PDB file of N, CA and C in Angstrom:
ATOM      1  N   MET A   1     -33.272  69.842  16.860  1.00  0.00           N
ATOM      2  CA  MET A   1     -33.881  70.435  18.034  1.00  0.00           C
ATOM      3  C   MET A   1     -35.197  69.717  18.315  1.00  0.00           C
ATOM      4  N   GLY A   2     -35.383  69.270  19.533  1.00  0.00           N
ATOM      5  CA  GLY A   2     -36.601  68.553  19.884  1.00  0.00           C
ATOM      6  C   GLY A   2     -37.793  69.470  20.044  1.00  0.00           C
ATOM      7  N   ALA A   3     -38.978  68.881  20.004  1.00  0.00           N
ATOM      8  CA  ALA A   3     -40.220  69.659  20.109  1.00  0.00           C
ATOM      9  C   ALA A   3     -40.307  70.384  21.447  1.00  0.00           C
ATOM     10  N   GLY A   4     -39.781  69.767  22.503  1.00  0.00           N
ATOM     11  CA  GLY A   4     -39.825  70.384  23.826  1.00  0.00           C
ATOM     12  C   GLY A   4     -39.056  71.696  23.891  1.00  0.00           C
ATOM     13  N   ARG A   5     -37.968  71.769  23.152  1.00  0.00           N
ATOM     14  CA  ARG A   5     -37.177  72.999  23.159  1.00  0.00           C
ATOM     15  C   ARG A   5     -37.943  74.146  22.514  1.00  0.00           C
ATOM     16  N   HIS A   6     -38.714  73.863  21.451  1.00  0.00           N
ATOM     17  CA  HIS A   6     -39.524  74.905  20.818  1.00  0.00           C
ATOM     18  C   HIS A   6     -40.599  75.396  21.775  1.00  0.00           C
ATOM     19  N   THR A   7     -41.215  74.480  22.500  1.00  0.00           N
ATOM     20  CA  THR A   7     -42.252  74.846  23.470  1.00  0.00           C
ATOM     21  C   THR A   7     -41.659  75.739  24.551  1.00  0.00           C
ATOM     22  N   ASN A   8     -40.484  75.382  25.060  1.00  0.00           N
ATOM     23  CA  ASN A   8     -39.833  76.199  26.087  1.00  0.00           C
ATOM     24  C   ASN A   8     -39.488  77.583  25.556  1.00  0.00           C
ATOM     25  N   ALA A   9     -39.018  77.662  24.321  1.00  0.00           N
ATOM     26  CA  ALA A   9     -38.678  78.953  23.729  1.00  0.00           C
ATOM     27  C   ALA A   9     -39.925  79.827  23.603  1.00  0.00           C
ATOM     28  N   ARG A  10     -41.042  79.242  23.167  1.00  0.00           N
ATOM     29  CA  ARG A  10     -42.290  80.009  23.063  1.00  0.00           C
ATOM     30  C   ARG A  10     -42.746  80.489  24.430  1.00  0.00           C
ATOM     31  N   ARG A  11     -42.608  79.627  25.440  1.00  0.00           N
ATOM     32  CA  ARG A  11     -43.010  79.994  26.792  1.00  0.00           C
ATOM     33  C   ARG A  11     -42.159  81.171  27.284  1.00  0.00           C
ATOM     34  N   ARG A  12     -40.838  81.116  27.058  1.00  0.00           N
ATOM     35  CA  ARG A  12     -39.965  82.208  27.484  1.00  0.00           C
ATOM     36  C   ARG A  12     -40.305  83.490  26.734  1.00  0.00           C
ATOM     37  N   ALA A  13     -40.583  83.385  25.432  1.00  0.00           N
ATOM     38  CA  ALA A  13     -40.875  84.563  24.624  1.00  0.00           C
ATOM     39  C   ALA A  13     -42.184  85.221  25.042  1.00  0.00           C
ATOM     40  N   SER A  14     -43.110  84.461  25.597  1.00  0.00           N
ATOM     41  CA  SER A  14     -44.402  85.031  25.960  1.00  0.00           C
ATOM     42  C   SER A  14     -44.372  85.746  27.310  1.00  0.00           C
ATOM     43  N   ARG A  15     -43.317  85.529  28.091  1.00  0.00           N
ATOM     44  CA  ARG A  15     -43.208  86.220  29.379  1.00  0.00           C
ATOM     45  C   ARG A  15     -42.815  87.676  29.163  1.00  0.00           C
ATOM     46  N   PRO A  16     -43.310  88.572  30.007  1.00  0.00           N
ATOM     47  CA  PRO A  16     -42.909  89.977  29.870  1.00  0.00           C
ATOM     48  C   PRO A  16     -41.422  90.133  30.183  1.00  0.00           C
ATOM     49  N   LEU A  17     -40.779  91.035  29.467  1.00  0.00           N
ATOM     50  CA  LEU A  17     -39.375  91.312  29.684  1.00  0.00           C
ATOM     51  C   LEU A  17     -39.226  92.104  30.978  1.00  0.00           C
ATOM     52  N   ARG A  18     -38.390  91.610  31.858  1.00  0.00           N
ATOM     53  CA  ARG A  18     -38.135  92.311  33.128  1.00  0.00           C
ATOM     54  C   ARG A  18     -36.681  92.736  33.152  1.00  0.00           C
ATOM     55  N   ILE A  19     -36.470  94.016  33.260  1.00  0.00           N
ATOM     56  CA  ILE A  19     -35.112  94.545  33.296  1.00  0.00           C
ATOM     57  C   ILE A  19     -34.852  95.068  34.706  1.00  0.00           C
ATOM     58  N   ILE A  20     -33.798  94.553  35.300  1.00  0.00           N
ATOM     59  CA  ILE A  20     -33.463  94.987  36.663  1.00  0.00           C
ATOM     60  C   ILE A  20     -32.950  96.429  36.617  1.00  0.00           C
ATOM     61  N   PRO A  21     -33.108  97.168  37.712  1.00  0.00           N
ATOM     62  CA  PRO A  21     -32.721  98.592  37.716  1.00  0.00           C
ATOM     63  C   PRO A  21     -31.282  98.847  37.249  1.00  0.00           C
ATOM     64  N   GLU A  22     -30.347  97.994  37.637  1.00  0.00           N
ATOM     65  CA  GLU A  22     -28.951  98.193  37.225  1.00  0.00           C
ATOM     66  C   GLU A  22     -28.815  98.102  35.697  1.00  0.00           C
ATOM     67  N   GLU A  23     -29.496  97.137  35.114  1.00  0.00           N
ATOM     68  CA  GLU A  23     -29.454  96.970  33.659  1.00  0.00           C
ATOM     69  C   GLU A  23     -30.160  98.141  32.968  1.00  0.00           C
ATOM     70  N   ARG A  24     -31.234  98.611  33.553  1.00  0.00           N
ATOM     71  CA  ARG A  24     -31.964  99.759  33.002  1.00  0.00           C
ATOM     72  C   ARG A  24     -31.045 100.989  32.967  1.00  0.00           C
ATOM     73  N   ARG A  25     -30.270 101.203  34.031  1.00  0.00           N
ATOM     74  CA  ARG A  25     -29.326 102.331  34.073  1.00  0.00           C
ATOM     75  C   ARG A  25     -28.240 102.160  33.003  1.00  0.00           C
ATOM     76  N   ARG A  26     -27.764 100.931  32.819  1.00  0.00           N
ATOM     77  CA  ARG A  26     -26.728 100.674  31.821  1.00  0.00           C
ATOM     78  C   ARG A  26     -27.254 100.944  30.410  1.00  0.00           C
ATOM     79  N   ILE A  27     -28.467 100.514  30.127  1.00  0.00           N
ATOM     80  CA  ILE A  27     -29.079 100.752  28.811  1.00  0.00           C
ATOM     81  C   ILE A  27     -29.271 102.246  28.588  1.00  0.00           C
ATOM     82  N   SER A  28     -29.756 102.955  29.605  1.00  0.00           N
ATOM     83  CA  SER A  28     -29.951 104.402  29.499  1.00  0.00           C
ATOM     84  C   SER A  28     -28.633 105.113  29.236  1.00  0.00           C
ATOM     85  N   SER A  29     -27.593 104.684  29.922  1.00  0.00           N
ATOM     86  CA  SER A  29     -26.273 105.290  29.753  1.00  0.00           C
ATOM     87  C   SER A  29     -25.733 105.040  28.340  1.00  0.00           C
ATOM     88  N   LEU A  30     -25.872 103.816  27.853  1.00  0.00           N
ATOM     89  CA  LEU A  30     -25.428 103.495  26.484  1.00  0.00           C
ATOM     90  C   LEU A  30     -26.186 104.337  25.461  1.00  0.00           C
ATOM     91  N   SER A  31     -27.491 104.472  25.658  1.00  0.00           N
ATOM     92  CA  SER A  31     -28.304 105.269  24.734  1.00  0.00           C
ATOM     93  C   SER A  31     -27.862 106.722  24.754  1.00  0.00           C
ATOM     94  N   ALA A  32     -27.653 107.269  25.939  1.00  0.00           N
ATOM     95  CA  ALA A  32     -27.254 108.669  26.062  1.00  0.00           C
ATOM     96  C   ALA A  32     -25.901 108.930  25.401  1.00  0.00           C
ATOM     97  N   ARG A  33     -24.971 107.981  25.508  1.00  0.00           N
ATOM     98  CA  ARG A  33     -23.638 108.151  24.918  1.00  0.00           C
ATOM     99  C   ARG A  33     -23.627 107.975  23.404  1.00  0.00           C
ATOM    100  N   ASN A  34     -24.557 107.193  22.867  1.00  0.00           N
ATOM    101  CA  ASN A  34     -24.485 106.829  21.456  1.00  0.00           C
ATOM    102  C   ASN A  34     -25.569 107.429  20.580  1.00  0.00           C
ATOM    103  N   CYS A  35     -26.497 108.146  21.140  1.00  0.00           N
ATOM    104  CA  CYS A  35     -27.576 108.751  20.358  1.00  0.00           C
ATOM    105  C   CYS A  35     -27.486 110.260  20.472  1.00  0.00           C
ATOM    106  N   PHE A  36     -27.992 110.927  19.474  1.00  0.00           N
ATOM    107  CA  PHE A  36     -28.032 112.378  19.548  1.00  0.00           C
ATOM    108  C   PHE A  36     -29.308 112.883  18.881  1.00  0.00           C
ATOM    109  N   PRO A  37     -29.928 113.874  19.478  1.00  0.00           N
ATOM    110  CA  PRO A  37     -31.162 114.423  18.906  1.00  0.00           C
ATOM    111  C   PRO A  37     -30.831 115.376  17.749  1.00  0.00           C
ATOM    112  N   PHE A  38     -31.791 115.569  16.864  1.00  0.00           N
ATOM    113  CA  PHE A  38     -31.624 116.542  15.792  1.00  0.00           C
ATOM    114  C   PHE A  38     -32.989 117.103  15.439  1.00  0.00           C
ATOM    115  N   GLU A  39     -32.969 118.319  14.922  1.00  0.00           N
ATOM    116  CA  GLU A  39     -34.201 119.031  14.622  1.00  0.00           C
ATOM    117  C   GLU A  39     -34.774 118.700  13.250  1.00  0.00           C
ATOM    118  N   SER A  40     -33.895 118.510  12.260  1.00  0.00           N
ATOM    119  CA  SER A  40     -34.393 118.236  10.920  1.00  0.00           C
ATOM    120  C   SER A  40     -33.474 117.235  10.222  1.00  0.00           C
ATOM    121  N   ILE A  41     -34.039 116.465   9.331  1.00  0.00           N
ATOM    122  CA  ILE A  41     -33.276 115.456   8.605  1.00  0.00           C
ATOM    123  C   ILE A  41     -32.242 116.116   7.701  1.00  0.00           C
ATOM    124  N   ASP A  42     -32.627 117.190   7.043  1.00  0.00           N
ATOM    125  CA  ASP A  42     -31.703 117.856   6.134  1.00  0.00           C
ATOM    126  C   ASP A  42     -30.588 118.577   6.883  1.00  0.00           C
ATOM    127  N   GLY A  43     -30.855 118.987   8.113  1.00  0.00           N
ATOM    128  CA  GLY A  43     -29.872 119.756   8.862  1.00  0.00           C
ATOM    129  C   GLY A  43     -29.001 118.953   9.815  1.00  0.00           C
ATOM    130  N   VAL A  44     -29.255 117.658   9.955  1.00  0.00           N
ATOM    131  CA  VAL A  44     -28.483 116.860  10.912  1.00  0.00           C
ATOM    132  C   VAL A  44     -27.028 116.761  10.458  1.00  0.00           C
ATOM    133  N   ASN A  45     -26.129 116.914  11.394  1.00  0.00           N
ATOM    134  CA  ASN A  45     -24.697 116.845  11.121  1.00  0.00           C
ATOM    135  C   ASN A  45     -24.267 115.379  11.123  1.00  0.00           C
ATOM    136  N   LEU A  46     -23.866 114.879   9.965  1.00  0.00           N
ATOM    137  CA  LEU A  46     -23.427 113.490   9.858  1.00  0.00           C
ATOM    138  C   LEU A  46     -21.904 113.351   9.960  1.00  0.00           C
ATOM    139  N   ASP A  47     -21.219 114.416  10.389  1.00  0.00           N
ATOM    140  CA  ASP A  47     -19.763 114.342  10.542  1.00  0.00           C
ATOM    141  C   ASP A  47     -19.298 113.218  11.465  1.00  0.00           C
ATOM    142  N   PRO A  48     -20.043 112.871  12.521  1.00  0.00           N
ATOM    143  CA  PRO A  48     -19.591 111.763  13.381  1.00  0.00           C
ATOM    144  C   PRO A  48     -19.696 110.382  12.724  1.00  0.00           C
ATOM    145  N   LEU A  49     -20.389 110.286  11.592  1.00  0.00           N
ATOM    146  CA  LEU A  49     -20.618 108.980  10.958  1.00  0.00           C
ATOM    147  C   LEU A  49     -19.324 108.229  10.634  1.00  0.00           C
ATOM    148  N   PRO A  50     -18.315 108.866  10.024  1.00  0.00           N
ATOM    149  CA  PRO A  50     -17.079 108.118   9.739  1.00  0.00           C
ATOM    150  C   PRO A  50     -16.440 107.516  10.986  1.00  0.00           C
ATOM    151  N   GLY A  51     -16.483 108.222  12.088  1.00  0.00           N
ATOM    152  CA  GLY A  51     -15.932 107.682  13.326  1.00  0.00           C
ATOM    153  C   GLY A  51     -16.693 106.473  13.823  1.00  0.00           C
ATOM    154  N   ARG A  52     -17.979 106.480  13.618  1.00  0.00           N
ATOM    155  CA  ARG A  52     -18.801 105.337  14.033  1.00  0.00           C
ATOM    156  C   ARG A  52     -18.594 104.142  13.104  1.00  0.00           C
ATOM    157  N   VAL A  53     -18.392 104.420  11.818  1.00  0.00           N
ATOM    158  CA  VAL A  53     -18.212 103.354  10.839  1.00  0.00           C
ATOM    159  C   VAL A  53     -16.807 102.764  10.942  1.00  0.00           C
ATOM    160  N   GLY A  54     -15.818 103.619  11.192  1.00  0.00           N
ATOM    161  CA  GLY A  54     -14.437 103.149  11.295  1.00  0.00           C
ATOM    162  C   GLY A  54     -13.991 102.483  10.000  1.00  0.00           C
ATOM    163  N   ASP A  55     -13.349 101.328  10.121  1.00  0.00           N
ATOM    164  CA  ASP A  55     -12.863 100.585   8.958  1.00  0.00           C
ATOM    165  C   ASP A  55     -13.844  99.519   8.493  1.00  0.00           C
ATOM    166  N   ALA A  56     -15.077  99.600   8.950  1.00  0.00           N
ATOM    167  CA  ALA A  56     -16.072  98.580   8.599  1.00  0.00           C
ATOM    168  C   ALA A  56     -16.245  98.492   7.086  1.00  0.00           C
ATOM    169  N   ARG A  57     -16.385  97.277   6.607  1.00  0.00           N
ATOM    170  CA  ARG A  57     -16.649  97.054   5.184  1.00  0.00           C
ATOM    171  C   ARG A  57     -18.147  96.886   4.940  1.00  0.00           C
ATOM    172  N   VAL A  58     -18.898  96.627   6.000  1.00  0.00           N
ATOM    173  CA  VAL A  58     -20.338  96.433   5.906  1.00  0.00           C
ATOM    174  C   VAL A  58     -20.993  97.266   6.995  1.00  0.00           C
ATOM    175  N   VAL A  59     -22.006  98.018   6.638  1.00  0.00           N
ATOM    176  CA  VAL A  59     -22.791  98.791   7.593  1.00  0.00           C
ATOM    177  C   VAL A  59     -24.241  98.381   7.412  1.00  0.00           C
ATOM    178  N   LEU A  60     -24.879  97.996   8.488  1.00  0.00           N
ATOM    179  CA  LEU A  60     -26.276  97.590   8.437  1.00  0.00           C
ATOM    180  C   LEU A  60     -27.142  98.688   9.028  1.00  0.00           C
ATOM    181  N   ILE A  61     -28.131  99.096   8.282  1.00  0.00           N
ATOM    182  CA  ILE A  61     -29.121 100.058   8.767  1.00  0.00           C
ATOM    183  C   ILE A  61     -30.376  99.233   8.942  1.00  0.00           C
ATOM    184  N   GLY A  62     -30.702  98.924  10.159  1.00  0.00           N
ATOM    185  CA  GLY A  62     -31.644  97.862  10.439  1.00  0.00           C
ATOM    186  C   GLY A  62     -33.107  98.192  10.459  1.00  0.00           C
ATOM    187  N   GLU A  63     -33.803  97.266  11.036  1.00  0.00           N
ATOM    188  CA  GLU A  63     -35.259  97.261  11.093  1.00  0.00           C
ATOM    189  C   GLU A  63     -35.817  98.539  11.709  1.00  0.00           C
ATOM    190  N   ALA A  64     -35.067  99.167  12.582  1.00  0.00           N
ATOM    191  CA  ALA A  64     -35.552 100.384  13.224  1.00  0.00           C
ATOM    192  C   ALA A  64     -35.689 101.530  12.235  1.00  0.00           C
ATOM    193  N   SER A  65     -35.135 101.367  11.031  1.00  0.00           N
ATOM    194  CA  SER A  65     -35.252 102.439  10.044  1.00  0.00           C
ATOM    195  C   SER A  65     -36.516 102.311   9.196  1.00  0.00           C
ATOM    196  N   HIS A  66     -37.366 101.318   9.483  1.00  0.00           N
ATOM    197  CA  HIS A  66     -38.647 101.176   8.785  1.00  0.00           C
ATOM    198  C   HIS A  66     -39.683 102.051   9.475  1.00  0.00           C
ATOM    199  N   GLY A  67     -40.632 102.521   8.733  1.00  0.00           N
ATOM    200  CA  GLY A  67     -41.721 103.246   9.388  1.00  0.00           C
ATOM    201  C   GLY A  67     -42.175 104.447   8.614  1.00  0.00           C
ATOM    202  N   THR A  68     -42.059 105.590   9.221  1.00  0.00           N
ATOM    203  CA  THR A  68     -42.586 106.818   8.639  1.00  0.00           C
ATOM    204  C   THR A  68     -41.680 107.326   7.527  1.00  0.00           C
ATOM    205  N   SER A  69     -42.162 108.296   6.795  1.00  0.00           N
ATOM    206  CA  SER A  69     -41.351 108.881   5.728  1.00  0.00           C
ATOM    207  C   SER A  69     -40.077 109.497   6.287  1.00  0.00           C
ATOM    208  N   GLU A  70     -40.128 109.987   7.532  1.00  0.00           N
ATOM    209  CA  GLU A  70     -38.925 110.549   8.145  1.00  0.00           C
ATOM    210  C   GLU A  70     -37.838 109.493   8.299  1.00  0.00           C
ATOM    211  N   PHE A  71     -38.223 108.279   8.677  1.00  0.00           N
ATOM    212  CA  PHE A  71     -37.246 107.197   8.784  1.00  0.00           C
ATOM    213  C   PHE A  71     -36.617 106.933   7.418  1.00  0.00           C
ATOM    214  N   TYR A  72     -37.430 106.871   6.372  1.00  0.00           N
ATOM    215  CA  TYR A  72     -36.918 106.596   5.037  1.00  0.00           C
ATOM    216  C   TYR A  72     -36.006 107.722   4.551  1.00  0.00           C
ATOM    217  N   ARG A  73     -36.373 108.968   4.832  1.00  0.00           N
ATOM    218  CA  ARG A  73     -35.543 110.100   4.419  1.00  0.00           C
ATOM    219  C   ARG A  73     -34.213 110.094   5.160  1.00  0.00           C
ATOM    220  N   MET A  74     -34.233 109.777   6.455  1.00  0.00           N
ATOM    221  CA  MET A  74     -32.982 109.739   7.211  1.00  0.00           C
ATOM    222  C   MET A  74     -32.114 108.591   6.737  1.00  0.00           C
ATOM    223  N   ARG A  75     -32.707 107.462   6.456  1.00  0.00           N
ATOM    224  CA  ARG A  75     -31.951 106.323   5.952  1.00  0.00           C
ATOM    225  C   ARG A  75     -31.317 106.679   4.604  1.00  0.00           C
ATOM    226  N   ALA A  76     -32.033 107.429   3.772  1.00  0.00           N
ATOM    227  CA  ALA A  76     -31.474 107.860   2.484  1.00  0.00           C
ATOM    228  C   ALA A  76     -30.281 108.792   2.704  1.00  0.00           C
ATOM    229  N   ARG A  77     -30.379 109.694   3.664  1.00  0.00           N
ATOM    230  CA  ARG A  77     -29.244 110.594   3.965  1.00  0.00           C
ATOM    231  C   ARG A  77     -28.031 109.809   4.427  1.00  0.00           C
ATOM    232  N   ILE A  78     -28.241 108.859   5.329  1.00  0.00           N
ATOM    233  CA  ILE A  78     -27.124 108.047   5.833  1.00  0.00           C
ATOM    234  C   ILE A  78     -26.512 107.242   4.690  1.00  0.00           C
ATOM    235  N   THR A  79     -27.352 106.643   3.866  1.00  0.00           N
ATOM    236  CA  THR A  79     -26.857 105.850   2.735  1.00  0.00           C
ATOM    237  C   THR A  79     -26.063 106.722   1.775  1.00  0.00           C
ATOM    238  N   ARG A  80     -26.581 107.898   1.460  1.00  0.00           N
ATOM    239  CA  ARG A  80     -25.876 108.820   0.552  1.00  0.00           C
ATOM    240  C   ARG A  80     -24.508 109.175   1.130  1.00  0.00           C
ATOM    241  N   GLU A  81     -24.437 109.423   2.420  1.00  0.00           N
ATOM    242  CA  GLU A  81     -23.167 109.762   3.063  1.00  0.00           C
ATOM    243  C   GLU A  81     -22.201 108.578   3.017  1.00  0.00           C
ATOM    244  N   LEU A  82     -22.705 107.377   3.229  1.00  0.00           N
ATOM    245  CA  LEU A  82     -21.844 106.196   3.175  1.00  0.00           C
ATOM    246  C   LEU A  82     -21.267 105.997   1.775  1.00  0.00           C
ATOM    247  N   VAL A  83     -22.070 106.279   0.738  1.00  0.00           N
ATOM    248  CA  VAL A  83     -21.606 106.090  -0.641  1.00  0.00           C
ATOM    249  C   VAL A  83     -20.674 107.222  -1.059  1.00  0.00           C
ATOM    250  N   THR A  84     -21.088 108.459  -0.849  1.00  0.00           N
ATOM    251  CA  THR A  84     -20.283 109.585  -1.333  1.00  0.00           C
ATOM    252  C   THR A  84     -19.132 109.942  -0.402  1.00  0.00           C
ATOM    253  N   GLY A  85     -19.344 109.828   0.898  1.00  0.00           N
ATOM    254  CA  GLY A  85     -18.318 110.247   1.849  1.00  0.00           C
ATOM    255  C   GLY A  85     -17.400 109.145   2.334  1.00  0.00           C
ATOM    256  N   ARG A  86     -17.858 107.899   2.268  1.00  0.00           N
ATOM    257  CA  ARG A  86     -17.066 106.794   2.802  1.00  0.00           C
ATOM    258  C   ARG A  86     -16.669 105.787   1.731  1.00  0.00           C
ATOM    259  N   GLY A  87     -17.132 105.972   0.497  1.00  0.00           N
ATOM    260  CA  GLY A  87     -16.715 105.118  -0.596  1.00  0.00           C
ATOM    261  C   GLY A  87     -17.389 103.764  -0.677  1.00  0.00           C
ATOM    262  N   PHE A  88     -18.492 103.581   0.025  1.00  0.00           N
ATOM    263  CA  PHE A  88     -19.215 102.315  -0.110  1.00  0.00           C
ATOM    264  C   PHE A  88     -19.766 102.237  -1.524  1.00  0.00           C
ATOM    265  N   SER A  89     -19.748 101.039  -2.108  1.00  0.00           N
ATOM    266  CA  SER A  89     -20.167 100.914  -3.504  1.00  0.00           C
ATOM    267  C   SER A  89     -21.336  99.965  -3.709  1.00  0.00           C
ATOM    268  N   ILE A  90     -21.792  99.334  -2.659  1.00  0.00           N
ATOM    269  CA  ILE A  90     -22.923  98.418  -2.762  1.00  0.00           C
ATOM    270  C   ILE A  90     -23.965  98.813  -1.731  1.00  0.00           C
ATOM    271  N   VAL A  91     -25.201  98.873  -2.178  1.00  0.00           N
ATOM    272  CA  VAL A  91     -26.317  99.130  -1.276  1.00  0.00           C
ATOM    273  C   VAL A  91     -27.320  98.008  -1.498  1.00  0.00           C
ATOM    274  N   ALA A  92     -27.604  97.265  -0.465  1.00  0.00           N
ATOM    275  CA  ALA A  92     -28.606  96.202  -0.537  1.00  0.00           C
ATOM    276  C   ALA A  92     -29.822  96.669   0.241  1.00  0.00           C
ATOM    277  N   ILE A  93     -30.986  96.508  -0.352  1.00  0.00           N
ATOM    278  CA  ILE A  93     -32.205  96.950   0.312  1.00  0.00           C
ATOM    279  C   ILE A  93     -33.215  95.819   0.362  1.00  0.00           C
ATOM    280  N   GLU A  94     -34.128  95.952   1.278  1.00  0.00           N
ATOM    281  CA  GLU A  94     -35.283  95.069   1.334  1.00  0.00           C
ATOM    282  C   GLU A  94     -36.413  95.825   0.648  1.00  0.00           C
ATOM    283  N   GLY A  95     -36.952  95.242  -0.403  1.00  0.00           N
ATOM    284  CA  GLY A  95     -38.014  95.937  -1.111  1.00  0.00           C
ATOM    285  C   GLY A  95     -38.810  94.992  -1.982  1.00  0.00           C
ATOM    286  N   ASP A  96     -39.936  95.474  -2.448  1.00  0.00           N
ATOM    287  CA  ASP A  96     -40.792  94.678  -3.316  1.00  0.00           C
ATOM    288  C   ASP A  96     -40.105  94.464  -4.667  1.00  0.00           C
ATOM    289  N   TYR A  97     -40.193  93.247  -5.201  1.00  0.00           N
ATOM    290  CA  TYR A  97     -39.524  92.915  -6.451  1.00  0.00           C
ATOM    291  C   TYR A  97     -39.934  93.823  -7.610  1.00  0.00           C
ATOM    292  N   PRO A  98     -41.228  94.094  -7.836  1.00  0.00           N
ATOM    293  CA  PRO A  98     -41.572  94.942  -8.990  1.00  0.00           C
ATOM    294  C   PRO A  98     -40.893  96.312  -8.924  1.00  0.00           C
ATOM    295  N   ASP A  99     -40.788  96.880  -7.740  1.00  0.00           N
ATOM    296  CA  ASP A  99     -40.163  98.189  -7.592  1.00  0.00           C
ATOM    297  C   ASP A  99     -38.643  98.107  -7.734  1.00  0.00           C
ATOM    298  N   THR A 100     -38.041  97.176  -7.031  1.00  0.00           N
ATOM    299  CA  THR A 100     -36.585  97.101  -7.008  1.00  0.00           C
ATOM    300  C   THR A 100     -36.011  96.563  -8.310  1.00  0.00           C
ATOM    301  N   SER A 101     -36.744  95.728  -9.029  1.00  0.00           N
ATOM    302  CA  SER A 101     -36.200  95.204 -10.284  1.00  0.00           C
ATOM    303  C   SER A 101     -36.024  96.317 -11.308  1.00  0.00           C
ATOM    304  N   GLY A 102     -36.946  97.270 -11.354  1.00  0.00           N
ATOM    305  CA  GLY A 102     -36.795  98.411 -12.259  1.00  0.00           C
ATOM    306  C   GLY A 102     -35.600  99.262 -11.880  1.00  0.00           C
ATOM    307  N   LEU A 103     -35.409  99.467 -10.604  1.00  0.00           N
ATOM    308  CA  LEU A 103     -34.260 100.226 -10.111  1.00  0.00           C
ATOM    309  C   LEU A 103     -32.964  99.489 -10.429  1.00  0.00           C
ATOM    310  N   GLU A 104     -32.958  98.193 -10.211  1.00  0.00           N
ATOM    311  CA  GLU A 104     -31.766  97.386 -10.482  1.00  0.00           C
ATOM    312  C   GLU A 104     -31.396  97.451 -11.961  1.00  0.00           C
ATOM    313  N   ARG A 105     -32.379  97.372 -12.852  1.00  0.00           N
ATOM    314  CA  ARG A 105     -32.109  97.458 -14.294  1.00  0.00           C
ATOM    315  C   ARG A 105     -31.518  98.818 -14.648  1.00  0.00           C
ATOM    316  N   ALA A 106     -32.047  99.877 -14.052  1.00  0.00           N
ATOM    317  CA  ALA A 106     -31.542 101.222 -14.345  1.00  0.00           C
ATOM    318  C   ALA A 106     -30.106 101.387 -13.857  1.00  0.00           C
ATOM    319  N   VAL A 107     -29.805 100.906 -12.644  1.00  0.00           N
ATOM    320  CA  VAL A 107     -28.460 101.025 -12.088  1.00  0.00           C
ATOM    321  C   VAL A 107     -27.452 100.275 -12.945  1.00  0.00           C
ATOM    322  N   ARG A 108     -27.838  99.129 -13.456  1.00  0.00           N
ATOM    323  CA  ARG A 108     -26.921  98.321 -14.266  1.00  0.00           C
ATOM    324  C   ARG A 108     -26.927  98.710 -15.745  1.00  0.00           C
ATOM    325  N   GLY A 109     -27.710  99.742 -16.100  1.00  0.00           N
ATOM    326  CA  GLY A 109     -27.741 100.205 -17.483  1.00  0.00           C
ATOM    327  C   GLY A 109     -28.494  99.287 -18.420  1.00  0.00           C
ATOM    328  N   ARG A 110     -29.370  98.489 -17.895  1.00  0.00           N
ATOM    329  CA  ARG A 110     -30.180  97.589 -18.724  1.00  0.00           C
ATOM    330  C   ARG A 110     -31.444  98.306 -19.161  1.00  0.00           C
ATOM    331  N   SER A 111     -32.083  97.774 -20.160  1.00  0.00           N
ATOM    332  CA  SER A 111     -33.298  98.417 -20.659  1.00  0.00           C
ATOM    333  C   SER A 111     -34.387  98.364 -19.597  1.00  0.00           C
ATOM    334  N   ARG A 112     -35.179  99.399 -19.621  1.00  0.00           N
ATOM    335  CA  ARG A 112     -36.307  99.463 -18.676  1.00  0.00           C
ATOM    336  C   ARG A 112     -37.555  98.967 -19.372  1.00  0.00           C
ATOM    337  N   ARG A 113     -38.283  98.131 -18.662  1.00  0.00           N
ATOM    338  CA  ARG A 113     -39.593  97.721 -19.156  1.00  0.00           C
ATOM    339  C   ARG A 113     -40.618  98.644 -18.523  1.00  0.00           C
ATOM    340  N   GLU A 114     -41.691  98.830 -19.225  1.00  0.00           N
ATOM    341  CA  GLU A 114     -42.765  99.648 -18.666  1.00  0.00           C
ATOM    342  C   GLU A 114     -43.355  98.938 -17.446  1.00  0.00           C
ATOM    343  N   LEU A 115     -43.531  99.678 -16.388  1.00  0.00           N
ATOM    344  CA  LEU A 115     -44.131  99.132 -15.173  1.00  0.00           C
ATOM    345  C   LEU A 115     -45.586  99.565 -15.100  1.00  0.00           C
ATOM    346  N   ARG A 116     -46.399  98.721 -14.507  1.00  0.00           N
ATOM    347  CA  ARG A 116     -47.823  99.065 -14.360  1.00  0.00           C
ATOM    348  C   ARG A 116     -48.010 100.271 -13.448  1.00  0.00           C
ATOM    349  N   ASN A 117     -47.227 100.312 -12.375  1.00  0.00           N
ATOM    350  CA  ASN A 117     -47.310 101.407 -11.408  1.00  0.00           C
ATOM    351  C   ASN A 117     -45.953 102.101 -11.338  1.00  0.00           C
ATOM    352  N   PRO A 118     -45.934 103.377 -10.988  1.00  0.00           N
ATOM    353  CA  PRO A 118     -44.636 104.042 -10.805  1.00  0.00           C
ATOM    354  C   PRO A 118     -43.844 103.322  -9.708  1.00  0.00           C
ATOM    355  N   PRO A 119     -42.508 103.203  -9.862  1.00  0.00           N
ATOM    356  CA  PRO A 119     -41.702 102.524  -8.834  1.00  0.00           C
ATOM    357  C   PRO A 119     -41.888 103.172  -7.466  1.00  0.00           C
ATOM    358  N   PHE A 120     -41.940 102.339  -6.463  1.00  0.00           N
ATOM    359  CA  PHE A 120     -42.024 102.737  -5.051  1.00  0.00           C
ATOM    360  C   PHE A 120     -43.270 103.542  -4.726  1.00  0.00           C
ATOM    361  N   SER A 121     -44.305 103.418  -5.529  1.00  0.00           N
ATOM    362  CA  SER A 121     -45.542 104.140  -5.242  1.00  0.00           C
ATOM    363  C   SER A 121     -46.306 103.534  -4.079  1.00  0.00           C
ATOM    364  N   ARG A 122     -45.928 102.321  -3.685  1.00  0.00           N
ATOM    365  CA  ARG A 122     -46.590 101.672  -2.538  1.00  0.00           C
ATOM    366  C   ARG A 122     -45.853 101.942  -1.234  1.00  0.00           C
ATOM    367  N   PHE A 123     -44.690 102.580  -1.300  1.00  0.00           N
ATOM    368  CA  PHE A 123     -43.918 102.871  -0.095  1.00  0.00           C
ATOM    369  C   PHE A 123     -44.463 104.140   0.559  1.00  0.00           C
ATOM    370  N   PRO A 124     -44.164 104.345   1.822  1.00  0.00           N
ATOM    371  CA  PRO A 124     -44.631 105.574   2.499  1.00  0.00           C
ATOM    372  C   PRO A 124     -44.109 106.819   1.796  1.00  0.00           C
ATOM    373  N   THR A 125     -44.929 107.836   1.766  1.00  0.00           N
ATOM    374  CA  THR A 125     -44.501 109.088   1.137  1.00  0.00           C
ATOM    375  C   THR A 125     -44.343 110.158   2.191  1.00  0.00           C
TER     376      THR A 125
END
């Protein structure tokens, strides 16, 4: 890729996103059909999850699940449902090595080394 192409990409990325009214209506309609509000994380009905997952072998819970403790708690509920209710057997996470290495050792039944800090103490609470 030439240097000019990178410059053009940066120029395009710096422009404000303009969504035409028709596209805005389409996005709103997609959101309304595929999202649902809930009052509490513990009380949300995850029964529709299998229908959304279908026969997928991989489910990605993306960047939008980062943030407040509520996001982390909801992501944990979804993950638990995927493992216990849908039979998923692998969970890959993005996390700090000191925290995740202790968890990985425990899951695999390996000896635990003493950690300087409690695992995940730097994550949102």
